[in-house]
Amino acid sequence: MFAPVRERFQSGKEFGGADYVAAWHMLDACRAAYLSATAQFDAVFCATSPITPQNTERLMTDQDYFVRENLLTLRNTRIGSLVGLGVRSMRSGTASCGISLMANPMDELRLLRWGKAAEQALS
């Protein structure tokens, strides 16, 4: 595993069982708030990544740069992962700019239909 990522994982050993349970309660509350705030929408559209591709050589040699850029790269996709959403990423027609469609958990069929319609609109 890439050392900076391994270090992030290993930092979890500093948390105990009570921290883990409290984090799950907070995550459940965040999920409920997100689903409530987006309930009126069929899907949420956002850029898959908020930044363009990084300098690979610098990523490998500058740890602070790696951490900052890695967290930015994961920022938008992390929403779907944490909330448990169905997410479909697709090309936007602009280089290095993907679009993610996010739909409620267990609503993959609707997500696929919206994705097909979005692809047609973008082509």
PDB file of N, CA and C in Angstrom:
ATOM      1  N   MET A   1       0.850  -1.171   0.000  1.00  0.00           N
ATOM      2  CA  MET A   1       0.000   0.000   0.000  1.00  0.00           C
ATOM      3  C   MET A   1       0.897   1.236   0.000  1.00  0.00           C
ATOM      4  N   PHE A   2       0.493   2.251  -0.741  1.00  0.00           N
ATOM      5  CA  PHE A   2       1.257   3.499  -0.812  1.00  0.00           C
ATOM      6  C   PHE A   2       1.374   4.077   0.602  1.00  0.00           C
ATOM      7  N   ALA A   3       2.582   4.402   1.003  1.00  0.00           N
ATOM      8  CA  ALA A   3       2.880   4.783   2.390  1.00  0.00           C
ATOM      9  C   ALA A   3       1.957   5.867   2.959  1.00  0.00           C
ATOM     10  N   PRO A   4       1.699   6.978   2.261  1.00  0.00           N
ATOM     11  CA  PRO A   4       0.818   7.986   2.858  1.00  0.00           C
ATOM     12  C   PRO A   4      -0.613   7.477   3.092  1.00  0.00           C
ATOM     13  N   VAL A   5      -1.082   6.593   2.244  1.00  0.00           N
ATOM     14  CA  VAL A   5      -2.421   6.016   2.434  1.00  0.00           C
ATOM     15  C   VAL A   5      -2.396   5.046   3.617  1.00  0.00           C
ATOM     16  N   ARG A   6      -1.341   4.232   3.704  1.00  0.00           N
ATOM     17  CA  ARG A   6      -1.199   3.301   4.823  1.00  0.00           C
ATOM     18  C   ARG A   6      -1.169   4.062   6.148  1.00  0.00           C
ATOM     19  N   GLU A   7      -0.458   5.188   6.179  1.00  0.00           N
ATOM     20  CA  GLU A   7      -0.391   5.985   7.406  1.00  0.00           C
ATOM     21  C   GLU A   7      -1.767   6.484   7.820  1.00  0.00           C
ATOM     22  N   ARG A   8      -2.582   6.866   6.846  1.00  0.00           N
ATOM     23  CA  ARG A   8      -3.939   7.326   7.148  1.00  0.00           C
ATOM     24  C   ARG A   8      -4.743   6.186   7.772  1.00  0.00           C
ATOM     25  N   PHE A   9      -4.619   4.989   7.224  1.00  0.00           N
ATOM     26  CA  PHE A   9      -5.311   3.833   7.779  1.00  0.00           C
ATOM     27  C   PHE A   9      -4.804   3.517   9.180  1.00  0.00           C
ATOM     28  N   GLN A  10      -3.502   3.550   9.358  1.00  0.00           N
ATOM     29  CA  GLN A  10      -2.923   3.200  10.643  1.00  0.00           C
ATOM     30  C   GLN A  10      -3.284   4.202  11.738  1.00  0.00           C
ATOM     31  N   SER A  11      -3.618   5.418  11.365  1.00  0.00           N
ATOM     32  CA  SER A  11      -4.003   6.405  12.382  1.00  0.00           C
ATOM     33  C   SER A  11      -5.298   5.996  13.079  1.00  0.00           C
ATOM     34  N   GLY A  12      -6.032   5.063  12.507  1.00  0.00           N
ATOM     35  CA  GLY A  12      -7.259   4.580  13.132  1.00  0.00           C
ATOM     36  C   GLY A  12      -7.037   3.840  14.432  1.00  0.00           C
ATOM     37  N   LYS A  13      -5.819   3.354  14.670  1.00  0.00           N
ATOM     38  CA  LYS A  13      -5.548   2.619  15.912  1.00  0.00           C
ATOM     39  C   LYS A  13      -5.644   3.520  17.140  1.00  0.00           C
ATOM     40  N   GLU A  14      -5.670   4.831  16.923  1.00  0.00           N
ATOM     41  CA  GLU A  14      -5.766   5.774  18.034  1.00  0.00           C
ATOM     42  C   GLU A  14      -7.190   5.915  18.559  1.00  0.00           C
ATOM     43  N   PHE A  15      -8.156   5.310  17.870  1.00  0.00           N
ATOM     44  CA  PHE A  15      -9.559   5.447  18.248  1.00  0.00           C
ATOM     45  C   PHE A  15     -10.049   4.165  18.924  1.00  0.00           C
ATOM     46  N   GLY A  16     -10.829   4.337  19.967  1.00  0.00           N
ATOM     47  CA  GLY A  16     -11.368   3.191  20.697  1.00  0.00           C
ATOM     48  C   GLY A  16     -12.781   2.852  20.253  1.00  0.00           C
ATOM     49  N   GLY A  17     -13.343   1.849  20.900  1.00  0.00           N
ATOM     50  CA  GLY A  17     -14.682   1.377  20.568  1.00  0.00           C
ATOM     51  C   GLY A  17     -15.744   2.457  20.712  1.00  0.00           C
ATOM     52  N   ALA A  18     -15.648   3.253  21.767  1.00  0.00           N
ATOM     53  CA  ALA A  18     -16.639   4.318  21.981  1.00  0.00           C
ATOM     54  C   ALA A  18     -16.562   5.357  20.866  1.00  0.00           C
ATOM     55  N   ASP A  19     -15.340   5.661  20.413  1.00  0.00           N
ATOM     56  CA  ASP A  19     -15.170   6.596  19.300  1.00  0.00           C
ATOM     57  C   ASP A  19     -15.830   6.039  18.038  1.00  0.00           C
ATOM     58  N   TYR A  20     -15.622   4.746  17.811  1.00  0.00           N
ATOM     59  CA  TYR A  20     -16.181   4.070  16.633  1.00  0.00           C
ATOM     60  C   TYR A  20     -17.708   4.146  16.649  1.00  0.00           C
ATOM     61  N   VAL A  21     -18.312   3.824  17.775  1.00  0.00           N
ATOM     62  CA  VAL A  21     -19.770   3.855  17.893  1.00  0.00           C
ATOM     63  C   VAL A  21     -20.281   5.286  17.721  1.00  0.00           C
ATOM     64  N   ALA A  22     -19.619   6.252  18.340  1.00  0.00           N
ATOM     65  CA  ALA A  22     -20.031   7.655  18.204  1.00  0.00           C
ATOM     66  C   ALA A  22     -19.936   8.112  16.752  1.00  0.00           C
ATOM     67  N   ALA A  23     -18.893   7.681  16.055  1.00  0.00           N
ATOM     68  CA  ALA A  23     -18.741   8.056  14.643  1.00  0.00           C
ATOM     69  C   ALA A  23     -19.864   7.472  13.802  1.00  0.00           C
ATOM     70  N   TRP A  24     -20.259   6.232  14.075  1.00  0.00           N
ATOM     71  CA  TRP A  24     -21.372   5.630  13.326  1.00  0.00           C
ATOM     72  C   TRP A  24     -22.673   6.374  13.595  1.00  0.00           C
ATOM     73  N   HIS A  25     -22.906   6.794  14.825  1.00  0.00           N
ATOM     74  CA  HIS A  25     -24.114   7.574  15.130  1.00  0.00           C
ATOM     75  C   HIS A  25     -24.100   8.898  14.370  1.00  0.00           C
ATOM     76  N   MET A  26     -22.935   9.551  14.327  1.00  0.00           N
ATOM     77  CA  MET A  26     -22.822  10.803  13.592  1.00  0.00           C
ATOM     78  C   MET A  26     -23.044  10.561  12.091  1.00  0.00           C
ATOM     79  N   LEU A  27     -22.475   9.484  11.573  1.00  0.00           N
ATOM     80  CA  LEU A  27     -22.647   9.164  10.160  1.00  0.00           C
ATOM     81  C   LEU A  27     -24.105   8.879   9.847  1.00  0.00           C
ATOM     82  N   ASP A  28     -24.798   8.152  10.705  1.00  0.00           N
ATOM     83  CA  ASP A  28     -26.238   7.902  10.501  1.00  0.00           C
ATOM     84  C   ASP A  28     -27.019   9.210  10.460  1.00  0.00           C
ATOM     85  N   ALA A  29     -26.673  10.150  11.339  1.00  0.00           N
ATOM     86  CA  ALA A  29     -27.348  11.455  11.360  1.00  0.00           C
ATOM     87  C   ALA A  29     -27.046  12.232  10.078  1.00  0.00           C
ATOM     88  N   CYS A  30     -25.799  12.182   9.606  1.00  0.00           N
ATOM     89  CA  CYS A  30     -25.433  12.862   8.354  1.00  0.00           C
ATOM     90  C   CYS A  30     -26.171  12.255   7.172  1.00  0.00           C
ATOM     91  N   ARG A  31     -26.277  10.929   7.146  1.00  0.00           N
ATOM     92  CA  ARG A  31     -27.010  10.259   6.067  1.00  0.00           C
ATOM     93  C   ARG A  31     -28.464  10.700   6.051  1.00  0.00           C
ATOM     94  N   ALA A  32     -29.091  10.712   7.204  1.00  0.00           N
ATOM     95  CA  ALA A  32     -30.498  11.122   7.289  1.00  0.00           C
ATOM     96  C   ALA A  32     -30.667  12.571   6.838  1.00  0.00           C
ATOM     97  N   ALA A  33     -29.760  13.439   7.252  1.00  0.00           N
ATOM     98  CA  ALA A  33     -29.844  14.854   6.857  1.00  0.00           C
ATOM     99  C   ALA A  33     -29.674  15.006   5.351  1.00  0.00           C
ATOM    100  N   TYR A  34     -28.716  14.297   4.768  1.00  0.00           N
ATOM    101  CA  TYR A  34     -28.499  14.379   3.315  1.00  0.00           C
ATOM    102  C   TYR A  34     -29.731  13.882   2.562  1.00  0.00           C
ATOM    103  N   LEU A  35     -30.238  12.724   2.957  1.00  0.00           N
ATOM    104  CA  LEU A  35     -31.394  12.156   2.262  1.00  0.00           C
ATOM    105  C   LEU A  35     -32.617  13.051   2.398  1.00  0.00           C
ATOM    106  N   SER A  36     -32.781  13.683   3.536  1.00  0.00           N
ATOM    107  CA  SER A  36     -33.891  14.617   3.723  1.00  0.00           C
ATOM    108  C   SER A  36     -33.719  15.852   2.838  1.00  0.00           C
ATOM    109  N   ALA A  37     -32.504  16.381   2.782  1.00  0.00           N
ATOM    110  CA  ALA A  37     -32.242  17.596   1.997  1.00  0.00           C
ATOM    111  C   ALA A  37     -32.375  17.361   0.497  1.00  0.00           C
ATOM    112  N   THR A  38     -32.167  16.141   0.043  1.00  0.00           N
ATOM    113  CA  THR A  38     -32.203  15.859  -1.399  1.00  0.00           C
ATOM    114  C   THR A  38     -33.438  15.060  -1.812  1.00  0.00           C
ATOM    115  N   ALA A  39     -34.366  14.841  -0.899  1.00  0.00           N
ATOM    116  CA  ALA A  39     -35.535  13.995  -1.175  1.00  0.00           C
ATOM    117  C   ALA A  39     -36.367  14.490  -2.353  1.00  0.00           C
ATOM    118  N   GLN A  40     -36.399  15.781  -2.595  1.00  0.00           N
ATOM    119  CA  GLN A  40     -37.231  16.322  -3.668  1.00  0.00           C
ATOM    120  C   GLN A  40     -36.587  16.205  -5.050  1.00  0.00           C
ATOM    121  N   PHE A  41     -35.360  15.714  -5.116  1.00  0.00           N
ATOM    122  CA  PHE A  41     -34.641  15.620  -6.383  1.00  0.00           C
ATOM    123  C   PHE A  41     -34.541  14.172  -6.850  1.00  0.00           C
ATOM    124  N   ASP A  42     -34.539  13.984  -8.168  1.00  0.00           N
ATOM    125  CA  ASP A  42     -34.362  12.646  -8.724  1.00  0.00           C
ATOM    126  C   ASP A  42     -32.914  12.201  -8.620  1.00  0.00           C
ATOM    127  N   ALA A  43     -31.995  13.119  -8.749  1.00  0.00           N
ATOM    128  CA  ALA A  43     -30.572  12.813  -8.655  1.00  0.00           C
ATOM    129  C   ALA A  43     -29.827  14.109  -8.349  1.00  0.00           C
ATOM    130  N   VAL A  44     -28.631  13.953  -7.835  1.00  0.00           N
ATOM    131  CA  VAL A  44     -27.760  15.093  -7.596  1.00  0.00           C
ATOM    132  C   VAL A  44     -26.593  14.958  -8.574  1.00  0.00           C
ATOM    133  N   PHE A  45     -26.304  16.030  -9.290  1.00  0.00           N
ATOM    134  CA  PHE A  45     -25.204  16.061 -10.250  1.00  0.00           C
ATOM    135  C   PHE A  45     -24.065  16.857  -9.638  1.00  0.00           C
ATOM    136  N   CYS A  46     -22.854  16.378  -9.800  1.00  0.00           N
ATOM    137  CA  CYS A  46     -21.690  17.164  -9.383  1.00  0.00           C
ATOM    138  C   CYS A  46     -20.483  16.695 -10.177  1.00  0.00           C
ATOM    139  N   ALA A  47     -19.448  17.489 -10.161  1.00  0.00           N
ATOM    140  CA  ALA A  47     -18.200  17.078 -10.799  1.00  0.00           C
ATOM    141  C   ALA A  47     -17.672  15.851 -10.055  1.00  0.00           C
ATOM    142  N   THR A  48     -17.170  14.870 -10.793  1.00  0.00           N
ATOM    143  CA  THR A  48     -16.629  13.688 -10.145  1.00  0.00           C
ATOM    144  C   THR A  48     -15.410  14.056  -9.303  1.00  0.00           C
ATOM    145  N   SER A  49     -14.568  14.917  -9.805  1.00  0.00           N
ATOM    146  CA  SER A  49     -13.411  15.403  -9.057  1.00  0.00           C
ATOM    147  C   SER A  49     -13.361  16.925  -9.198  1.00  0.00           C
ATOM    148  N   PRO A  50     -13.082  17.621  -8.111  1.00  0.00           N
ATOM    149  CA  PRO A  50     -13.057  19.086  -8.184  1.00  0.00           C
ATOM    150  C   PRO A  50     -11.761  19.653  -8.763  1.00  0.00           C
ATOM    151  N   ILE A  51     -10.808  18.790  -9.079  1.00  0.00           N
ATOM    152  CA  ILE A  51      -9.522  19.263  -9.580  1.00  0.00           C
ATOM    153  C   ILE A  51      -9.112  18.475 -10.822  1.00  0.00           C
ATOM    154  N   THR A  52      -8.204  19.048 -11.579  1.00  0.00           N
ATOM    155  CA  THR A  52      -7.670  18.364 -12.758  1.00  0.00           C
ATOM    156  C   THR A  52      -6.526  17.432 -12.330  1.00  0.00           C
ATOM    157  N   PRO A  53      -6.067  16.559 -13.217  1.00  0.00           N
ATOM    158  CA  PRO A  53      -4.996  15.621 -12.839  1.00  0.00           C
ATOM    159  C   PRO A  53      -3.769  16.338 -12.271  1.00  0.00           C
ATOM    160  N   GLN A  54      -3.172  15.696 -11.284  1.00  0.00           N
ATOM    161  CA  GLN A  54      -2.049  16.292 -10.571  1.00  0.00           C
ATOM    162  C   GLN A  54      -0.714  15.926 -11.220  1.00  0.00           C
ATOM    163  N   ASN A  55       0.316  16.580 -10.724  1.00  0.00           N
ATOM    164  CA  ASN A  55       1.689  16.325 -11.134  1.00  0.00           C
ATOM    165  C   ASN A  55       2.150  15.028 -10.472  1.00  0.00           C
ATOM    166  N   THR A  56       2.264  13.944 -11.242  1.00  0.00           N
ATOM    167  CA  THR A  56       2.580  12.623 -10.692  1.00  0.00           C
ATOM    168  C   THR A  56       3.915  12.610  -9.965  1.00  0.00           C
ATOM    169  N   GLU A  57       4.936  13.214 -10.549  1.00  0.00           N
ATOM    170  CA  GLU A  57       6.250  13.209  -9.898  1.00  0.00           C
ATOM    171  C   GLU A  57       6.184  13.893  -8.537  1.00  0.00           C
ATOM    172  N   ARG A  58       5.490  15.012  -8.471  1.00  0.00           N
ATOM    173  CA  ARG A  58       5.381  15.723  -7.192  1.00  0.00           C
ATOM    174  C   ARG A  58       4.562  14.917  -6.185  1.00  0.00           C
ATOM    175  N   LEU A  59       3.522  14.207  -6.656  1.00  0.00           N
ATOM    176  CA  LEU A  59       2.741  13.361  -5.759  1.00  0.00           C
ATOM    177  C   LEU A  59       3.621  12.330  -5.057  1.00  0.00           C
ATOM    178  N   MET A  60       4.593  11.803  -5.780  1.00  0.00           N
ATOM    179  CA  MET A  60       5.454  10.748  -5.248  1.00  0.00           C
ATOM    180  C   MET A  60       6.547  11.272  -4.332  1.00  0.00           C
ATOM    181  N   THR A  61       6.844  12.575  -4.396  1.00  0.00           N
ATOM    182  CA  THR A  61       7.972  13.102  -3.635  1.00  0.00           C
ATOM    183  C   THR A  61       7.599  14.136  -2.570  1.00  0.00           C
ATOM    184  N   ASP A  62       6.397  14.694  -2.646  1.00  0.00           N
ATOM    185  CA  ASP A  62       5.983  15.748  -1.713  1.00  0.00           C
ATOM    186  C   ASP A  62       4.755  15.261  -0.950  1.00  0.00           C
ATOM    187  N   GLN A  63       4.961  14.799   0.279  1.00  0.00           N
ATOM    188  CA  GLN A  63       3.874  14.189   1.041  1.00  0.00           C
ATOM    189  C   GLN A  63       2.734  15.164   1.316  1.00  0.00           C
ATOM    190  N   ASP A  64       3.031  16.405   1.658  1.00  0.00           N
ATOM    191  CA  ASP A  64       1.970  17.380   1.917  1.00  0.00           C
ATOM    192  C   ASP A  64       1.123  17.601   0.664  1.00  0.00           C
ATOM    193  N   TYR A  65       1.780  17.699  -0.473  1.00  0.00           N
ATOM    194  CA  TYR A  65       1.073  17.845  -1.758  1.00  0.00           C
ATOM    195  C   TYR A  65       0.199  16.621  -2.010  1.00  0.00           C
ATOM    196  N   PHE A  66       0.749  15.423  -1.783  1.00  0.00           N
ATOM    197  CA  PHE A  66      -0.028  14.203  -1.987  1.00  0.00           C
ATOM    198  C   PHE A  66      -1.290  14.203  -1.131  1.00  0.00           C
ATOM    199  N   VAL A  67      -1.136  14.477   0.154  1.00  0.00           N
ATOM    200  CA  VAL A  67      -2.284  14.439   1.069  1.00  0.00           C
ATOM    201  C   VAL A  67      -3.342  15.441   0.630  1.00  0.00           C
ATOM    202  N   ARG A  68      -2.935  16.670   0.344  1.00  0.00           N
ATOM    203  CA  ARG A  68      -3.886  17.706  -0.058  1.00  0.00           C
ATOM    204  C   ARG A  68      -4.613  17.316  -1.341  1.00  0.00           C
ATOM    205  N   GLU A  69      -3.853  16.914  -2.359  1.00  0.00           N
ATOM    206  CA  GLU A  69      -4.455  16.582  -3.651  1.00  0.00           C
ATOM    207  C   GLU A  69      -5.290  15.307  -3.574  1.00  0.00           C
ATOM    208  N   ASN A  70      -4.840  14.325  -2.810  1.00  0.00           N
ATOM    209  CA  ASN A  70      -5.582  13.077  -2.665  1.00  0.00           C
ATOM    210  C   ASN A  70      -6.930  13.326  -2.006  1.00  0.00           C
ATOM    211  N   LEU A  71      -6.940  14.119  -0.946  1.00  0.00           N
ATOM    212  CA  LEU A  71      -8.207  14.415  -0.270  1.00  0.00           C
ATOM    213  C   LEU A  71      -9.149  15.208  -1.172  1.00  0.00           C
ATOM    214  N   LEU A  72      -8.598  16.128  -1.952  1.00  0.00           N
ATOM    215  CA  LEU A  72      -9.440  16.863  -2.903  1.00  0.00           C
ATOM    216  C   LEU A  72     -10.005  15.930  -3.975  1.00  0.00           C
ATOM    217  N   THR A  73      -9.179  15.029  -4.473  1.00  0.00           N
ATOM    218  CA  THR A  73      -9.622  14.098  -5.503  1.00  0.00           C
ATOM    219  C   THR A  73     -10.786  13.249  -5.006  1.00  0.00           C
ATOM    220  N   LEU A  74     -10.742  12.855  -3.753  1.00  0.00           N
ATOM    221  CA  LEU A  74     -11.778  11.987  -3.182  1.00  0.00           C
ATOM    222  C   LEU A  74     -12.980  12.744  -2.641  1.00  0.00           C
ATOM    223  N   ARG A  75     -12.890  14.050  -2.536  1.00  0.00           N
ATOM    224  CA  ARG A  75     -13.927  14.836  -1.850  1.00  0.00           C
ATOM    225  C   ARG A  75     -15.333  14.584  -2.377  1.00  0.00           C
ATOM    226  N   ASN A  76     -15.543  14.716  -3.664  1.00  0.00           N
ATOM    227  CA  ASN A  76     -16.898  14.603  -4.198  1.00  0.00           C
ATOM    228  C   ASN A  76     -17.403  13.171  -4.215  1.00  0.00           C
ATOM    229  N   THR A  77     -16.540  12.204  -4.483  1.00  0.00           N
ATOM    230  CA  THR A  77     -16.989  10.814  -4.509  1.00  0.00           C
ATOM    231  C   THR A  77     -17.217  10.270  -3.103  1.00  0.00           C
ATOM    232  N   ARG A  78     -16.564  10.860  -2.127  1.00  0.00           N
ATOM    233  CA  ARG A  78     -16.736  10.407  -0.736  1.00  0.00           C
ATOM    234  C   ARG A  78     -18.176  10.585  -0.267  1.00  0.00           C
ATOM    235  N   ILE A  79     -18.869  11.584  -0.763  1.00  0.00           N
ATOM    236  CA  ILE A  79     -20.263  11.805  -0.373  1.00  0.00           C
ATOM    237  C   ILE A  79     -21.081  10.549  -0.646  1.00  0.00           C
ATOM    238  N   GLY A  80     -20.984  10.044  -1.869  1.00  0.00           N
ATOM    239  CA  GLY A  80     -21.732   8.841  -2.222  1.00  0.00           C
ATOM    240  C   GLY A  80     -21.333   7.651  -1.388  1.00  0.00           C
ATOM    241  N   SER A  81     -20.038   7.504  -1.137  1.00  0.00           N
ATOM    242  CA  SER A  81     -19.558   6.368  -0.347  1.00  0.00           C
ATOM    243  C   SER A  81     -20.075   6.428   1.090  1.00  0.00           C
ATOM    244  N   LEU A  82     -19.977   7.579   1.717  1.00  0.00           N
ATOM    245  CA  LEU A  82     -20.388   7.693   3.113  1.00  0.00           C
ATOM    246  C   LEU A  82     -21.896   7.611   3.295  1.00  0.00           C
ATOM    247  N   VAL A  83     -22.642   8.177   2.372  1.00  0.00           N
ATOM    248  CA  VAL A  83     -24.092   8.199   2.520  1.00  0.00           C
ATOM    249  C   VAL A  83     -24.710   6.893   2.019  1.00  0.00           C
ATOM    250  N   GLY A  84     -23.954   6.114   1.244  1.00  0.00           N
ATOM    251  CA  GLY A  84     -24.470   4.849   0.737  1.00  0.00           C
ATOM    252  C   GLY A  84     -25.297   5.014  -0.526  1.00  0.00           C
ATOM    253  N   LEU A  85     -24.983   6.037  -1.304  1.00  0.00           N
ATOM    254  CA  LEU A  85     -25.742   6.338  -2.505  1.00  0.00           C
ATOM    255  C   LEU A  85     -25.326   5.445  -3.663  1.00  0.00           C
ATOM    256  N   GLY A  86     -26.207   5.345  -4.631  1.00  0.00           N
ATOM    257  CA  GLY A  86     -25.823   4.809  -5.916  1.00  0.00           C
ATOM    258  C   GLY A  86     -25.210   5.964  -6.702  1.00  0.00           C
ATOM    259  N   VAL A  87     -24.062   5.742  -7.317  1.00  0.00           N
ATOM    260  CA  VAL A  87     -23.384   6.818  -8.042  1.00  0.00           C
ATOM    261  C   VAL A  87     -22.964   6.312  -9.412  1.00  0.00           C
ATOM    262  N   ARG A  88     -23.189   7.146 -10.398  1.00  0.00           N
ATOM    263  CA  ARG A  88     -22.738   6.827 -11.750  1.00  0.00           C
ATOM    264  C   ARG A  88     -21.901   7.995 -12.238  1.00  0.00           C
ATOM    265  N   SER A  89     -20.676   7.718 -12.625  1.00  0.00           N
ATOM    266  CA  SER A  89     -19.795   8.745 -13.159  1.00  0.00           C
ATOM    267  C   SER A  89     -19.719   8.582 -14.665  1.00  0.00           C
ATOM    268  N   MET A  90     -19.699   9.698 -15.367  1.00  0.00           N
ATOM    269  CA  MET A  90     -19.631   9.641 -16.829  1.00  0.00           C
ATOM    270  C   MET A  90     -18.850  10.831 -17.358  1.00  0.00           C
ATOM    271  N   ARG A  91     -18.455  10.716 -18.600  1.00  0.00           N
ATOM    272  CA  ARG A  91     -17.725  11.808 -19.247  1.00  0.00           C
ATOM    273  C   ARG A  91     -18.658  12.992 -19.477  1.00  0.00           C
ATOM    274  N   SER A  92     -18.068  14.163 -19.427  1.00  0.00           N
ATOM    275  CA  SER A  92     -18.847  15.382 -19.640  1.00  0.00           C
ATOM    276  C   SER A  92     -18.650  15.954 -21.035  1.00  0.00           C
ATOM    277  N   GLY A  93     -17.648  15.462 -21.740  1.00  0.00           N
ATOM    278  CA  GLY A  93     -17.299  16.046 -23.027  1.00  0.00           C
ATOM    279  C   GLY A  93     -16.155  17.034 -22.905  1.00  0.00           C
ATOM    280  N   THR A  94     -15.743  17.330 -21.687  1.00  0.00           N
ATOM    281  CA  THR A  94     -14.601  18.207 -21.425  1.00  0.00           C
ATOM    282  C   THR A  94     -13.495  17.360 -20.805  1.00  0.00           C
ATOM    283  N   ALA A  95     -12.295  17.482 -21.329  1.00  0.00           N
ATOM    284  CA  ALA A  95     -11.179  16.676 -20.830  1.00  0.00           C
ATOM    285  C   ALA A  95     -11.001  16.837 -19.325  1.00  0.00           C
ATOM    286  N   SER A  96     -10.758  15.752 -18.652  1.00  0.00           N
ATOM    287  CA  SER A  96     -10.495  15.716 -17.207  1.00  0.00           C
ATOM    288  C   SER A  96     -11.644  16.238 -16.367  1.00  0.00           C
ATOM    289  N   CYS A  97     -12.859  16.153 -16.885  1.00  0.00           N
ATOM    290  CA  CYS A  97     -14.019  16.647 -16.143  1.00  0.00           C
ATOM    291  C   CYS A  97     -15.156  15.639 -16.264  1.00  0.00           C
ATOM    292  N   GLY A  98     -15.274  14.769 -15.258  1.00  0.00           N
ATOM    293  CA  GLY A  98     -16.370  13.818 -15.246  1.00  0.00           C
ATOM    294  C   GLY A  98     -17.535  14.363 -14.439  1.00  0.00           C
ATOM    295  N   ILE A  99     -18.705  13.805 -14.688  1.00  0.00           N
ATOM    296  CA  ILE A  99     -19.906  14.191 -13.955  1.00  0.00           C
ATOM    297  C   ILE A  99     -20.405  12.967 -13.201  1.00  0.00           C
ATOM    298  N   SER A 100     -20.746  13.149 -11.940  1.00  0.00           N
ATOM    299  CA  SER A 100     -21.344  12.084 -11.149  1.00  0.00           C
ATOM    300  C   SER A 100     -22.819  12.380 -10.944  1.00  0.00           C
ATOM    301  N   LEU A 101     -23.614  11.365 -11.125  1.00  0.00           N
ATOM    302  CA  LEU A 101     -25.028  11.412 -10.780  1.00  0.00           C
ATOM    303  C   LEU A 101     -25.184  10.565  -9.529  1.00  0.00           C
ATOM    304  N   MET A 102     -25.779  11.118  -8.508  1.00  0.00           N
ATOM    305  CA  MET A 102     -25.953  10.394  -7.253  1.00  0.00           C
ATOM    306  C   MET A 102     -27.440  10.259  -6.975  1.00  0.00           C
ATOM    307  N   ALA A 103     -27.866   9.037  -6.656  1.00  0.00           N
ATOM    308  CA  ALA A 103     -29.273   8.769  -6.364  1.00  0.00           C
ATOM    309  C   ALA A 103     -29.377   8.036  -5.029  1.00  0.00           C
ATOM    310  N   ASN A 104     -30.576   7.983  -4.515  1.00  0.00           N
ATOM    311  CA  ASN A 104     -30.811   7.357  -3.219  1.00  0.00           C
ATOM    312  C   ASN A 104     -30.340   5.907  -3.189  1.00  0.00           C
ATOM    313  N   PRO A 105     -30.011   5.419  -2.013  1.00  0.00           N
ATOM    314  CA  PRO A 105     -29.632   4.012  -1.896  1.00  0.00           C
ATOM    315  C   PRO A 105     -30.734   3.104  -2.453  1.00  0.00           C
ATOM    316  N   MET A 106     -30.338   2.048  -3.093  1.00  0.00           N
ATOM    317  CA  MET A 106     -31.242   1.039  -3.647  1.00  0.00           C
ATOM    318  C   MET A 106     -32.104   1.565  -4.791  1.00  0.00           C
ATOM    319  N   ASP A 107     -31.694   2.652  -5.433  1.00  0.00           N
ATOM    320  CA  ASP A 107     -32.456   3.234  -6.541  1.00  0.00           C
ATOM    321  C   ASP A 107     -31.630   3.204  -7.824  1.00  0.00           C
ATOM    322  N   GLU A 108     -30.897   2.115  -8.012  1.00  0.00           N
ATOM    323  CA  GLU A 108     -29.971   2.012  -9.136  1.00  0.00           C
ATOM    324  C   GLU A 108     -30.666   2.041 -10.486  1.00  0.00           C
ATOM    325  N   LEU A 109     -31.852   1.443 -10.594  1.00  0.00           N
ATOM    326  CA  LEU A 109     -32.545   1.418 -11.876  1.00  0.00           C
ATOM    327  C   LEU A 109     -32.864   2.843 -12.339  1.00  0.00           C
ATOM    328  N   ARG A 110     -33.363   3.675 -11.442  1.00  0.00           N
ATOM    329  CA  ARG A 110     -33.630   5.070 -11.793  1.00  0.00           C
ATOM    330  C   ARG A 110     -32.333   5.790 -12.154  1.00  0.00           C
ATOM    331  N   LEU A 111     -31.280   5.501 -11.408  1.00  0.00           N
ATOM    332  CA  LEU A 111     -29.977   6.118 -11.667  1.00  0.00           C
ATOM    333  C   LEU A 111     -29.486   5.766 -13.068  1.00  0.00           C
ATOM    334  N   LEU A 112     -29.641   4.523 -13.469  1.00  0.00           N
ATOM    335  CA  LEU A 112     -29.219   4.124 -14.812  1.00  0.00           C
ATOM    336  C   LEU A 112     -30.052   4.830 -15.883  1.00  0.00           C
ATOM    337  N   ARG A 113     -31.352   4.974 -15.652  1.00  0.00           N
ATOM    338  CA  ARG A 113     -32.199   5.695 -16.619  1.00  0.00           C
ATOM    339  C   ARG A 113     -31.778   7.161 -16.717  1.00  0.00           C
ATOM    340  N   TRP A 114     -31.535   7.814 -15.567  1.00  0.00           N
ATOM    341  CA  TRP A 114     -31.094   9.205 -15.581  1.00  0.00           C
ATOM    342  C   TRP A 114     -29.729   9.332 -16.254  1.00  0.00           C
ATOM    343  N   GLY A 115     -28.859   8.364 -16.009  1.00  0.00           N
ATOM    344  CA  GLY A 115     -27.543   8.395 -16.636  1.00  0.00           C
ATOM    345  C   GLY A 115     -27.639   8.300 -18.150  1.00  0.00           C
ATOM    346  N   LYS A 116     -28.508   7.442 -18.637  1.00  0.00           N
ATOM    347  CA  LYS A 116     -28.681   7.309 -20.094  1.00  0.00           C
ATOM    348  C   LYS A 116     -29.226   8.615 -20.681  1.00  0.00           C
ATOM    349  N   ALA A 117     -30.201   9.208 -20.013  1.00  0.00           N
ATOM    350  CA  ALA A 117     -30.760  10.484 -20.492  1.00  0.00           C
ATOM    351  C   ALA A 117     -29.696  11.585 -20.457  1.00  0.00           C
ATOM    352  N   ALA A 118     -28.876  11.606 -19.420  1.00  0.00           N
ATOM    353  CA  ALA A 118     -27.832  12.626 -19.309  1.00  0.00           C
ATOM    354  C   ALA A 118     -26.783  12.434 -20.407  1.00  0.00           C
ATOM    355  N   GLU A 119     -26.403  11.178 -20.674  1.00  0.00           N
ATOM    356  CA  GLU A 119     -25.443  10.909 -21.756  1.00  0.00           C
ATOM    357  C   GLU A 119     -25.969  11.417 -23.080  1.00  0.00           C
ATOM    358  N   GLN A 120     -27.235  11.174 -23.364  1.00  0.00           N
ATOM    359  CA  GLN A 120     -27.837  11.644 -24.617  1.00  0.00           C
ATOM    360  C   GLN A 120     -27.846  13.157 -24.678  1.00  0.00           C
ATOM    361  N   ALA A 121     -28.137  13.803 -23.563  1.00  0.00           N
ATOM    362  CA  ALA A 121     -28.178  15.276 -23.549  1.00  0.00           C
ATOM    363  C   ALA A 121     -26.784  15.866 -23.732  1.00  0.00           C
ATOM    364  N   LEU A 122     -25.760  15.169 -23.251  1.00  0.00           N
ATOM    365  CA  LEU A 122     -24.396  15.692 -23.334  1.00  0.00           C
ATOM    366  C   LEU A 122     -23.702  15.369 -24.654  1.00  0.00           C
ATOM    367  N   SER A 123     -24.285  14.446 -25.452  1.00  0.00           N
ATOM    368  CA  SER A 123     -23.586  14.094 -26.705  1.00  0.00           C
ATOM    369  C   SER A 123     -24.069  14.906 -27.875  1.00  0.00           C
TER     370      SER A 123
END
